[in-house]
Amino acid sequence: MTPDNKAGVILVTGASSGIGAAICNILVAEGYVVYAASRRGTVPDEIGENPNVHPYVADVNNEDVLCSLVAGIVGEYGRLDAVVCNAGSGIAGPIEECSQDEIAYQMGTSFMGTVNTIKACMPVFRTQGHGRVITISSVAAVAPLPFQGYYSCAKASILQLTKALAIEARGFGIQTCCILPGDVKTDFTSARKLAAKTQTCDSPYHEACVKAVQSMARDEQVDGMEPEVIARAVAGQLRARRMRPELVPSSKYKILVCLIRLLPERFVLWVIGKMYACS
């Protein structure tokens, strides 16, 4: 991937902070031209003046905006080499008490935002005969989190979407990789919303949900990996001759994912419940 003496032209969504910002930072350092898309349209100060970074205001829920962005990239550089679908949102609450709007909020940006982004890029990838799609899922895709069930659903959907795309798009020279981080130390923790019904003590789930979410927040902020770990995994896959269909960027979480897939499901669910004081 060598347009204009650069390593490649990459679109990154959810790029204003956290994992997305770290991805932009490392890709620019490696010589890529990066279109950093986010609702805020901002990038970290350390790369803001770099001419190879193009901040762009884009809501991944808006297909037209994404198609316009991709058309603009191709118009300027003549190609788009890869997309990193990172935009996401988080809502906590029991399955029973999350409203339709809250479920739509969770599935919208995280899953449908990924779908919209991929669909905007695919015609370009097919026409030029190559392209790479990297999606950011989560270990929650294989380890269902209590009181973050819809978040787990969104991440599991992203994982299966990416793998299905790998089969469909192989004949067009397109590769895919789904990255499954574990706990990560970012502002995602403070941005996580709590379902409205569960915020009051009248909810039968209130106490258990609050305790579980506090435990998750502690794991993220105290023991969570730095977002640069995920960024390095993304950069590694972009450099690789053949991308891996699925990548867990941490030895600890690789072992965890393997155990979840090998151990009896009833035992796995019992352990997860114990971890978050749900059983």
C-alpha atoms as a PDB file:
ATOM      1  CA  MET A   1       0.000   0.000   0.000  1.00  0.00           C
ATOM      2  CA  THR A   2       2.036   2.966  -1.230  1.00  0.00           C
ATOM      3  CA  PRO A   3       0.058   5.943  -2.535  1.00  0.00           C
ATOM      4  CA  ASP A   4       2.074   9.167  -2.831  1.00  0.00           C
ATOM      5  CA  ASN A   5       5.002   7.627  -0.953  1.00  0.00           C
ATOM      6  CA  LYS A   6       2.800   6.974   2.048  1.00  0.00           C
ATOM      7  CA  ALA A   7       2.186   3.640   3.727  1.00  0.00           C
ATOM      8  CA  GLY A   8      -1.496   3.807   2.802  1.00  0.00           C
ATOM      9  CA  VAL A   9      -4.724   5.789   3.113  1.00  0.00           C
ATOM     10  CA  ILE A  10      -6.834   4.731   6.088  1.00  0.00           C
ATOM     11  CA  LEU A  11     -10.252   5.738   7.393  1.00  0.00           C
ATOM     12  CA  VAL A  12     -10.700   5.452  11.174  1.00  0.00           C
ATOM     13  CA  THR A  13     -14.067   6.011  12.868  1.00  0.00           C
ATOM     14  CA  GLY A  14     -14.536   7.002  16.497  1.00  0.00           C
ATOM     15  CA  ALA A  15     -11.182   8.734  16.172  1.00  0.00           C
ATOM     16  CA  SER A  16     -11.454  11.664  18.568  1.00  0.00           C
ATOM     17  CA  SER A  17     -10.427   9.865  21.774  1.00  0.00           C
ATOM     18  CA  GLY A  18      -9.581   6.544  23.397  1.00  0.00           C
ATOM     19  CA  ILE A  19      -8.824   3.606  21.136  1.00  0.00           C
ATOM     20  CA  GLY A  20      -9.605   5.531  17.945  1.00  0.00           C
ATOM     21  CA  ALA A  21      -7.237   8.371  18.836  1.00  0.00           C
ATOM     22  CA  ALA A  22      -4.484   5.893  19.722  1.00  0.00           C
ATOM     23  CA  ILE A  23      -4.976   4.135  16.375  1.00  0.00           C
ATOM     24  CA  CYS A  24      -4.672   7.433  14.498  1.00  0.00           C
ATOM     25  CA  ASN A  25      -1.561   8.336  16.459  1.00  0.00           C
ATOM     26  CA  ILE A  26       0.321   5.140  15.680  1.00  0.00           C
ATOM     27  CA  LEU A  27      -0.772   5.002  12.029  1.00  0.00           C
ATOM     28  CA  VAL A  28       0.406   8.553  11.385  1.00  0.00           C
ATOM     29  CA  ALA A  29       3.728   7.729  13.047  1.00  0.00           C
ATOM     30  CA  GLU A  30       4.087   4.801  10.633  1.00  0.00           C
ATOM     31  CA  GLY A  31       3.515   7.030   7.597  1.00  0.00           C
ATOM     32  CA  TYR A  32      -0.141   6.450   6.809  1.00  0.00           C
ATOM     33  CA  VAL A  33      -2.526   9.123   5.617  1.00  0.00           C
ATOM     34  CA  VAL A  34      -5.369   8.997   8.137  1.00  0.00           C
ATOM     35  CA  TYR A  35      -8.915  10.296   7.838  1.00  0.00           C
ATOM     36  CA  ALA A  36     -10.019  10.606  11.459  1.00  0.00           C
ATOM     37  CA  ALA A  37     -13.813  10.552  11.548  1.00  0.00           C
ATOM     38  CA  SER A  38     -15.872  11.261  14.642  1.00  0.00           C
ATOM     39  CA  ARG A  39     -18.923  13.195  15.784  1.00  0.00           C
ATOM     40  CA  ARG A  40     -16.641  15.859  17.237  1.00  0.00           C
ATOM     41  CA  GLY A  41     -14.296  15.955  14.261  1.00  0.00           C
ATOM     42  CA  THR A  42     -11.231  16.384  16.475  1.00  0.00           C
ATOM     43  CA  VAL A  43      -7.915  14.565  16.875  1.00  0.00           C
ATOM     44  CA  PRO A  44      -5.295  14.453  19.657  1.00  0.00           C
ATOM     45  CA  ASP A  45      -3.127  17.576  19.942  1.00  0.00           C
ATOM     46  CA  GLU A  46       0.061  15.633  19.298  1.00  0.00           C
ATOM     47  CA  ILE A  47      -1.012  14.815  15.742  1.00  0.00           C
ATOM     48  CA  GLY A  48      -3.349  17.705  15.043  1.00  0.00           C
ATOM     49  CA  GLU A  49      -0.767  19.646  13.028  1.00  0.00           C
ATOM     50  CA  ASN A  50       0.366  16.658  10.995  1.00  0.00           C
ATOM     51  CA  PRO A  51      -0.547  17.183   7.312  1.00  0.00           C
ATOM     52  CA  ASN A  52      -1.259  13.444   6.964  1.00  0.00           C
ATOM     53  CA  VAL A  53      -4.166  13.655   9.434  1.00  0.00           C
ATOM     54  CA  HIS A  54      -7.561  14.771   8.170  1.00  0.00           C
ATOM     55  CA  PRO A  55     -10.135  15.254  10.963  1.00  0.00           C
ATOM     56  CA  TYR A  56     -13.684  14.874   9.699  1.00  0.00           C
ATOM     57  CA  VAL A  57     -17.073  15.359  11.345  1.00  0.00           C
ATOM     58  CA  ALA A  58     -19.054  12.202  10.655  1.00  0.00           C
ATOM     59  CA  ASP A  59     -21.782  10.343  12.500  1.00  0.00           C
ATOM     60  CA  VAL A  60     -21.563   6.663  11.545  1.00  0.00           C
ATOM     61  CA  ASN A  61     -25.342   6.477  11.815  1.00  0.00           C
ATOM     62  CA  ASN A  62     -25.568   8.663   8.702  1.00  0.00           C
ATOM     63  CA  GLU A  63     -24.883   6.617   5.554  1.00  0.00           C
ATOM     64  CA  ASP A  64     -24.910   9.635   3.277  1.00  0.00           C
ATOM     65  CA  VAL A  65     -22.208  11.415   5.267  1.00  0.00           C
ATOM     66  CA  LEU A  66     -20.013   8.306   5.205  1.00  0.00           C
ATOM     67  CA  CYS A  67     -20.435   7.842   1.455  1.00  0.00           C
ATOM     68  CA  SER A  68     -19.570  11.503   0.912  1.00  0.00           C
ATOM     69  CA  LEU A  69     -16.472  11.127   3.090  1.00  0.00           C
ATOM     70  CA  VAL A  70     -15.287   8.036   1.193  1.00  0.00           C
ATOM     71  CA  ALA A  71     -15.904   9.768  -2.148  1.00  0.00           C
ATOM     72  CA  GLY A  72     -13.840  12.708  -0.938  1.00  0.00           C
ATOM     73  CA  ILE A  73     -10.960  10.480   0.112  1.00  0.00           C
ATOM     74  CA  VAL A  74     -10.894   8.737  -3.255  1.00  0.00           C
ATOM     75  CA  GLY A  75     -11.187  12.084  -5.017  1.00  0.00           C
ATOM     76  CA  GLU A  76      -8.117  13.383  -3.228  1.00  0.00           C
ATOM     77  CA  TYR A  77      -5.895  10.291  -3.098  1.00  0.00           C
ATOM     78  CA  GLY A  78      -7.351   8.070  -5.795  1.00  0.00           C
ATOM     79  CA  ARG A  79      -7.784   5.172  -3.402  1.00  0.00           C
ATOM     80  CA  LEU A  80      -8.707   3.956   0.058  1.00  0.00           C
ATOM     81  CA  ASP A  81      -6.599   1.120   1.399  1.00  0.00           C
ATOM     82  CA  ALA A  82      -8.318   0.239   4.669  1.00  0.00           C
ATOM     83  CA  VAL A  83     -11.006   1.177   7.150  1.00  0.00           C
ATOM     84  CA  VAL A  84     -10.925   0.736  10.922  1.00  0.00           C
ATOM     85  CA  CYS A  85     -14.463   0.596  12.326  1.00  0.00           C
ATOM     86  CA  ASN A  86     -14.018   1.733  15.911  1.00  0.00           C
ATOM     87  CA  ALA A  87     -16.989   4.003  16.711  1.00  0.00           C
ATOM     88  CA  GLY A  88     -19.126   2.661  19.512  1.00  0.00           C
ATOM     89  CA  SER A  89     -21.344   3.404  22.484  1.00  0.00           C
ATOM     90  CA  GLY A  90     -22.192   1.732  25.756  1.00  0.00           C
ATOM     91  CA  ILE A  91     -25.312   1.356  27.845  1.00  0.00           C
ATOM     92  CA  ALA A  92     -25.670  -0.630  31.066  1.00  0.00           C
ATOM     93  CA  GLY A  93     -28.887  -2.105  32.351  1.00  0.00           C
ATOM     94  CA  PRO A  94     -30.782  -5.379  32.674  1.00  0.00           C
ATOM     95  CA  ILE A  95     -32.311  -6.948  29.594  1.00  0.00           C
ATOM     96  CA  GLU A  96     -35.807  -6.429  30.985  1.00  0.00           C
ATOM     97  CA  GLU A  97     -35.514  -2.739  31.795  1.00  0.00           C
ATOM     98  CA  CYS A  98     -33.712  -1.284  28.771  1.00  0.00           C
ATOM     99  CA  SER A  99     -36.162   0.677  26.640  1.00  0.00           C
ATOM    100  CA  GLN A 100     -36.470   0.326  22.880  1.00  0.00           C
ATOM    101  CA  ASP A 101     -34.712   3.694  22.469  1.00  0.00           C
ATOM    102  CA  GLU A 102     -31.861   2.594  24.738  1.00  0.00           C
ATOM    103  CA  ILE A 103     -31.453  -0.672  22.844  1.00  0.00           C
ATOM    104  CA  ALA A 104     -31.489   1.233  19.554  1.00  0.00           C
ATOM    105  CA  TYR A 105     -28.843   3.600  20.932  1.00  0.00           C
ATOM    106  CA  GLN A 106     -26.593   0.669  21.818  1.00  0.00           C
ATOM    107  CA  MET A 107     -27.042  -1.252  18.597  1.00  0.00           C
ATOM    108  CA  GLY A 108     -27.080   1.885  16.448  1.00  0.00           C
ATOM    109  CA  THR A 109     -23.592   3.356  16.725  1.00  0.00           C
ATOM    110  CA  SER A 110     -21.821   0.126  17.660  1.00  0.00           C
ATOM    111  CA  PHE A 111     -23.337  -2.328  15.181  1.00  0.00           C
ATOM    112  CA  MET A 112     -25.225  -0.366  12.536  1.00  0.00           C
ATOM    113  CA  GLY A 113     -22.470   2.247  12.542  1.00  0.00           C
ATOM    114  CA  THR A 114     -20.022  -0.508  11.647  1.00  0.00           C
ATOM    115  CA  VAL A 115     -22.391  -1.787   8.949  1.00  0.00           C
ATOM    116  CA  ASN A 116     -22.808   1.704   7.463  1.00  0.00           C
ATOM    117  CA  THR A 117     -19.066   2.327   7.426  1.00  0.00           C
ATOM    118  CA  ILE A 118     -18.273  -0.976   5.747  1.00  0.00           C
ATOM    119  CA  LYS A 119     -21.013  -0.500   3.140  1.00  0.00           C
ATOM    120  CA  ALA A 120     -19.650   2.956   2.282  1.00  0.00           C
ATOM    121  CA  CYS A 121     -16.150   1.541   1.695  1.00  0.00           C
ATOM    122  CA  MET A 122     -16.925  -1.745  -0.060  1.00  0.00           C
ATOM    123  CA  PRO A 123     -17.641  -0.370  -3.573  1.00  0.00           C
ATOM    124  CA  VAL A 124     -14.226   1.332  -3.588  1.00  0.00           C
ATOM    125  CA  PHE A 125     -12.463  -1.783  -2.310  1.00  0.00           C
ATOM    126  CA  ARG A 126     -14.152  -3.976  -4.938  1.00  0.00           C
ATOM    127  CA  THR A 127     -13.388  -1.573  -7.793  1.00  0.00           C
ATOM    128  CA  GLN A 128      -9.712  -1.244  -6.936  1.00  0.00           C
ATOM    129  CA  GLY A 129      -9.327  -4.972  -6.209  1.00  0.00           C
ATOM    130  CA  HIS A 130      -8.023  -4.642  -2.671  1.00  0.00           C
ATOM    131  CA  GLY A 131      -8.974  -3.311   0.731  1.00  0.00           C
ATOM    132  CA  ARG A 132      -8.777  -4.145   4.402  1.00  0.00           C
ATOM    133  CA  VAL A 133     -11.577  -3.986   6.934  1.00  0.00           C
ATOM    134  CA  ILE A 134     -10.682  -3.970  10.627  1.00  0.00           C
ATOM    135  CA  THR A 135     -13.489  -3.937  13.179  1.00  0.00           C
ATOM    136  CA  ILE A 136     -13.157  -3.366  16.903  1.00  0.00           C
ATOM    137  CA  SER A 137     -15.332  -5.790  18.847  1.00  0.00           C
ATOM    138  CA  SER A 138     -14.708  -6.983  22.417  1.00  0.00           C
ATOM    139  CA  VAL A 139     -14.103 -10.055  24.524  1.00  0.00           C
ATOM    140  CA  ALA A 140     -17.718  -9.394  25.540  1.00  0.00           C
ATOM    141  CA  ALA A 141     -18.594 -10.871  22.141  1.00  0.00           C
ATOM    142  CA  VAL A 142     -17.808 -14.307  23.573  1.00  0.00           C
ATOM    143  CA  ALA A 143     -18.202 -13.558  27.310  1.00  0.00           C
ATOM    144  CA  PRO A 144     -21.762 -12.249  27.883  1.00  0.00           C
ATOM    145  CA  LEU A 145     -21.674  -9.469  30.458  1.00  0.00           C
ATOM    146  CA  PRO A 146     -24.525  -9.196  32.965  1.00  0.00           C
ATOM    147  CA  PHE A 147     -26.187  -5.781  32.823  1.00  0.00           C
ATOM    148  CA  GLN A 148     -24.379  -5.112  29.579  1.00  0.00           C
ATOM    149  CA  GLY A 149     -26.249  -7.720  27.592  1.00  0.00           C
ATOM    150  CA  TYR A 150     -27.049  -5.433  24.684  1.00  0.00           C
ATOM    151  CA  TYR A 151     -23.444  -4.274  24.542  1.00  0.00           C
ATOM    152  CA  SER A 152     -22.412  -7.941  24.354  1.00  0.00           C
ATOM    153  CA  CYS A 153     -24.982  -8.475  21.590  1.00  0.00           C
ATOM    154  CA  ALA A 154     -23.606  -5.550  19.590  1.00  0.00           C
ATOM    155  CA  LYS A 155     -20.033  -6.784  19.906  1.00  0.00           C
ATOM    156  CA  ALA A 156     -20.986 -10.378  19.036  1.00  0.00           C
ATOM    157  CA  SER A 157     -22.808  -9.049  15.974  1.00  0.00           C
ATOM    158  CA  ILE A 158     -19.691  -7.172  14.871  1.00  0.00           C
ATOM    159  CA  LEU A 159     -17.590 -10.329  15.244  1.00  0.00           C
ATOM    160  CA  GLN A 160     -19.918 -12.463  13.115  1.00  0.00           C
ATOM    161  CA  LEU A 161     -20.454  -9.668  10.588  1.00  0.00           C
ATOM    162  CA  THR A 162     -16.694  -9.389  10.066  1.00  0.00           C
ATOM    163  CA  LYS A 163     -16.258 -13.117   9.609  1.00  0.00           C
ATOM    164  CA  ALA A 164     -19.177 -13.365   7.187  1.00  0.00           C
ATOM    165  CA  LEU A 165     -17.699 -10.472   5.210  1.00  0.00           C
ATOM    166  CA  ALA A 166     -14.367 -12.296   5.041  1.00  0.00           C
ATOM    167  CA  ILE A 167     -16.070 -15.117   3.149  1.00  0.00           C
ATOM    168  CA  GLU A 168     -18.143 -12.885   0.872  1.00  0.00           C
ATOM    169  CA  ALA A 169     -15.371 -10.428  -0.028  1.00  0.00           C
ATOM    170  CA  ARG A 170     -12.411 -12.786  -0.443  1.00  0.00           C
ATOM    171  CA  GLY A 171     -12.899 -13.014  -4.192  1.00  0.00           C
ATOM    172  CA  PHE A 172     -12.509  -9.241  -4.510  1.00  0.00           C
ATOM    173  CA  GLY A 173      -9.108  -9.144  -2.809  1.00  0.00           C
ATOM    174  CA  ILE A 174     -10.576  -7.787   0.425  1.00  0.00           C
ATOM    175  CA  GLN A 175      -9.345  -8.978   3.824  1.00  0.00           C
ATOM    176  CA  THR A 176     -11.028  -8.582   7.200  1.00  0.00           C
ATOM    177  CA  CYS A 177      -9.939  -8.771  10.832  1.00  0.00           C
ATOM    178  CA  CYS A 178     -11.998  -8.441  13.998  1.00  0.00           C
ATOM    179  CA  ILE A 179     -10.071  -7.306  17.075  1.00  0.00           C
ATOM    180  CA  LEU A 180     -11.378  -8.300  20.513  1.00  0.00           C
ATOM    181  CA  PRO A 181      -9.958  -6.133  23.314  1.00  0.00           C
ATOM    182  CA  GLY A 182     -10.637  -6.889  26.951  1.00  0.00           C
ATOM    183  CA  ASP A 183     -10.858  -4.141  29.572  1.00  0.00           C
ATOM    184  CA  VAL A 184      -9.345  -0.903  28.251  1.00  0.00           C
ATOM    185  CA  LYS A 185      -8.522   2.266  30.177  1.00  0.00           C
ATOM    186  CA  THR A 186     -10.407   5.012  28.274  1.00  0.00           C
ATOM    187  CA  ASP A 187     -13.172   7.593  28.719  1.00  0.00           C
ATOM    188  CA  PHE A 188     -15.633   4.899  27.594  1.00  0.00           C
ATOM    189  CA  THR A 189     -16.074   4.063  31.292  1.00  0.00           C
ATOM    190  CA  SER A 190     -17.406   7.508  32.224  1.00  0.00           C
ATOM    191  CA  ALA A 191     -19.426   7.767  28.996  1.00  0.00           C
ATOM    192  CA  ARG A 192     -21.345   4.538  29.671  1.00  0.00           C
ATOM    193  CA  LYS A 193     -25.039   5.253  30.214  1.00  0.00           C
ATOM    194  CA  LEU A 194     -27.266   3.519  32.755  1.00  0.00           C
ATOM    195  CA  ALA A 195     -30.776   2.524  31.703  1.00  0.00           C
ATOM    196  CA  ALA A 196     -33.315   5.036  32.998  1.00  0.00           C
ATOM    197  CA  LYS A 197     -35.522   2.472  34.773  1.00  0.00           C
ATOM    198  CA  THR A 198     -32.539   1.017  36.603  1.00  0.00           C
ATOM    199  CA  GLN A 199     -31.368   4.342  38.009  1.00  0.00           C
ATOM    200  CA  THR A 200     -34.071   4.377  40.693  1.00  0.00           C
ATOM    201  CA  CYS A 201     -34.187   2.231  43.802  1.00  0.00           C
ATOM    202  CA  ASP A 202     -37.634   1.029  42.683  1.00  0.00           C
ATOM    203  CA  SER A 203     -35.920  -1.228  40.150  1.00  0.00           C
ATOM    204  CA  PRO A 204     -35.517  -4.831  41.377  1.00  0.00           C
ATOM    205  CA  TYR A 205     -32.176  -4.844  39.549  1.00  0.00           C
ATOM    206  CA  HIS A 206     -30.867  -1.502  40.868  1.00  0.00           C
ATOM    207  CA  GLU A 207     -28.463  -2.694  43.551  1.00  0.00           C
ATOM    208  CA  ALA A 208     -27.045  -5.646  41.589  1.00  0.00           C
ATOM    209  CA  CYS A 209     -26.672  -3.569  38.419  1.00  0.00           C
ATOM    210  CA  VAL A 210     -24.898  -0.696  40.167  1.00  0.00           C
ATOM    211  CA  LYS A 211     -22.476  -3.096  41.879  1.00  0.00           C
ATOM    212  CA  ALA A 212     -21.745  -4.945  38.640  1.00  0.00           C
ATOM    213  CA  VAL A 213     -21.146  -1.742  36.679  1.00  0.00           C
ATOM    214  CA  GLN A 214     -18.898  -0.382  39.438  1.00  0.00           C
ATOM    215  CA  SER A 215     -16.888  -3.603  39.291  1.00  0.00           C
ATOM    216  CA  MET A 216     -16.568  -3.311  35.502  1.00  0.00           C
ATOM    217  CA  ALA A 217     -15.502   0.330  35.795  1.00  0.00           C
ATOM    218  CA  ARG A 218     -12.859  -0.587  38.357  1.00  0.00           C
ATOM    219  CA  ASP A 219     -11.525  -3.353  36.103  1.00  0.00           C
ATOM    220  CA  GLU A 220     -11.336  -0.916  33.179  1.00  0.00           C
ATOM    221  CA  GLN A 221      -9.684   1.980  34.972  1.00  0.00           C
ATOM    222  CA  VAL A 222      -7.387   0.081  37.362  1.00  0.00           C
ATOM    223  CA  ASP A 223      -6.408  -3.077  35.472  1.00  0.00           C
ATOM    224  CA  GLY A 224      -7.422  -2.164  31.918  1.00  0.00           C
ATOM    225  CA  MET A 225      -4.905  -2.201  29.086  1.00  0.00           C
ATOM    226  CA  GLU A 226      -3.810   1.046  27.495  1.00  0.00           C
ATOM    227  CA  PRO A 227      -5.505   1.887  24.169  1.00  0.00           C
ATOM    228  CA  GLU A 228      -2.074   1.803  22.508  1.00  0.00           C
ATOM    229  CA  VAL A 229      -2.155  -2.003  22.848  1.00  0.00           C
ATOM    230  CA  ILE A 230      -5.118  -2.148  20.489  1.00  0.00           C
ATOM    231  CA  ALA A 231      -3.567   0.480  18.226  1.00  0.00           C
ATOM    232  CA  ARG A 232      -0.410  -1.603  17.827  1.00  0.00           C
ATOM    233  CA  ALA A 233      -2.540  -4.656  17.016  1.00  0.00           C
ATOM    234  CA  VAL A 234      -4.325  -2.692  14.275  1.00  0.00           C
ATOM    235  CA  ALA A 235      -1.040  -1.444  12.813  1.00  0.00           C
ATOM    236  CA  GLY A 236       0.358  -4.975  12.889  1.00  0.00           C
ATOM    237  CA  GLN A 237      -2.572  -6.324  10.904  1.00  0.00           C
ATOM    238  CA  LEU A 238      -2.266  -3.548   8.326  1.00  0.00           C
ATOM    239  CA  ARG A 239       1.399  -4.463   7.829  1.00  0.00           C
ATOM    240  CA  ALA A 240       0.710  -8.198   7.652  1.00  0.00           C
ATOM    241  CA  ARG A 241       0.600  -9.924   4.292  1.00  0.00           C
ATOM    242  CA  ARG A 242      -2.482 -11.823   5.419  1.00  0.00           C
ATOM    243  CA  MET A 243      -4.652 -10.465   8.197  1.00  0.00           C
ATOM    244  CA  ARG A 244      -5.957 -12.767  10.900  1.00  0.00           C
ATOM    245  CA  PRO A 245      -9.749 -13.233  10.901  1.00  0.00           C
ATOM    246  CA  GLU A 246      -9.837 -12.626  14.654  1.00  0.00           C
ATOM    247  CA  LEU A 247      -7.255 -11.178  17.039  1.00  0.00           C
ATOM    248  CA  VAL A 248      -7.262 -10.861  20.832  1.00  0.00           C
ATOM    249  CA  PRO A 249      -4.438  -8.393  21.643  1.00  0.00           C
ATOM    250  CA  SER A 250      -3.485  -9.665  25.103  1.00  0.00           C
ATOM    251  CA  SER A 251      -2.121 -12.990  26.310  1.00  0.00           C
ATOM    252  CA  LYS A 252      -4.397 -12.902  29.368  1.00  0.00           C
ATOM    253  CA  TYR A 253      -7.509 -12.409  27.270  1.00  0.00           C
ATOM    254  CA  LYS A 254      -6.405 -14.913  24.630  1.00  0.00           C
ATOM    255  CA  ILE A 255      -6.360 -17.565  27.350  1.00  0.00           C
ATOM    256  CA  LEU A 256      -9.722 -16.361  28.649  1.00  0.00           C
ATOM    257  CA  VAL A 257     -11.361 -16.548  25.211  1.00  0.00           C
ATOM    258  CA  CYS A 258      -9.952 -20.045  24.646  1.00  0.00           C
ATOM    259  CA  LEU A 259     -11.293 -21.226  28.016  1.00  0.00           C
ATOM    260  CA  ILE A 260     -14.722 -19.724  27.366  1.00  0.00           C
ATOM    261  CA  ARG A 261     -14.930 -21.615  24.079  1.00  0.00           C
ATOM    262  CA  LEU A 262     -13.676 -24.892  25.548  1.00  0.00           C
ATOM    263  CA  LEU A 263     -15.336 -25.115  28.968  1.00  0.00           C
ATOM    264  CA  PRO A 264     -18.974 -26.144  29.520  1.00  0.00           C
ATOM    265  CA  GLU A 265     -21.272 -23.167  28.935  1.00  0.00           C
ATOM    266  CA  ARG A 266     -23.119 -23.602  32.225  1.00  0.00           C
ATOM    267  CA  PHE A 267     -19.825 -23.377  34.117  1.00  0.00           C
ATOM    268  CA  VAL A 268     -18.718 -20.303  32.136  1.00  0.00           C
ATOM    269  CA  LEU A 269     -21.974 -18.471  32.893  1.00  0.00           C
ATOM    270  CA  TRP A 270     -21.686 -19.379  36.580  1.00  0.00           C
ATOM    271  CA  VAL A 271     -18.145 -17.980  36.761  1.00  0.00           C
ATOM    272  CA  ILE A 272     -19.130 -14.738  35.012  1.00  0.00           C
ATOM    273  CA  GLY A 273     -22.022 -14.375  37.443  1.00  0.00           C
ATOM    274  CA  LYS A 274     -19.672 -14.834  40.399  1.00  0.00           C
ATOM    275  CA  MET A 275     -17.262 -12.244  38.992  1.00  0.00           C
ATOM    276  CA  TYR A 276     -19.974  -9.604  39.035  1.00  0.00           C
ATOM    277  CA  ALA A 277     -21.798 -10.780  42.168  1.00  0.00           C
ATOM    278  CA  CYS A 278     -24.835 -11.881  40.187  1.00  0.00           C
ATOM    279  CA  SER A 279     -25.071 -15.392  41.607  1.00  0.00           C
END
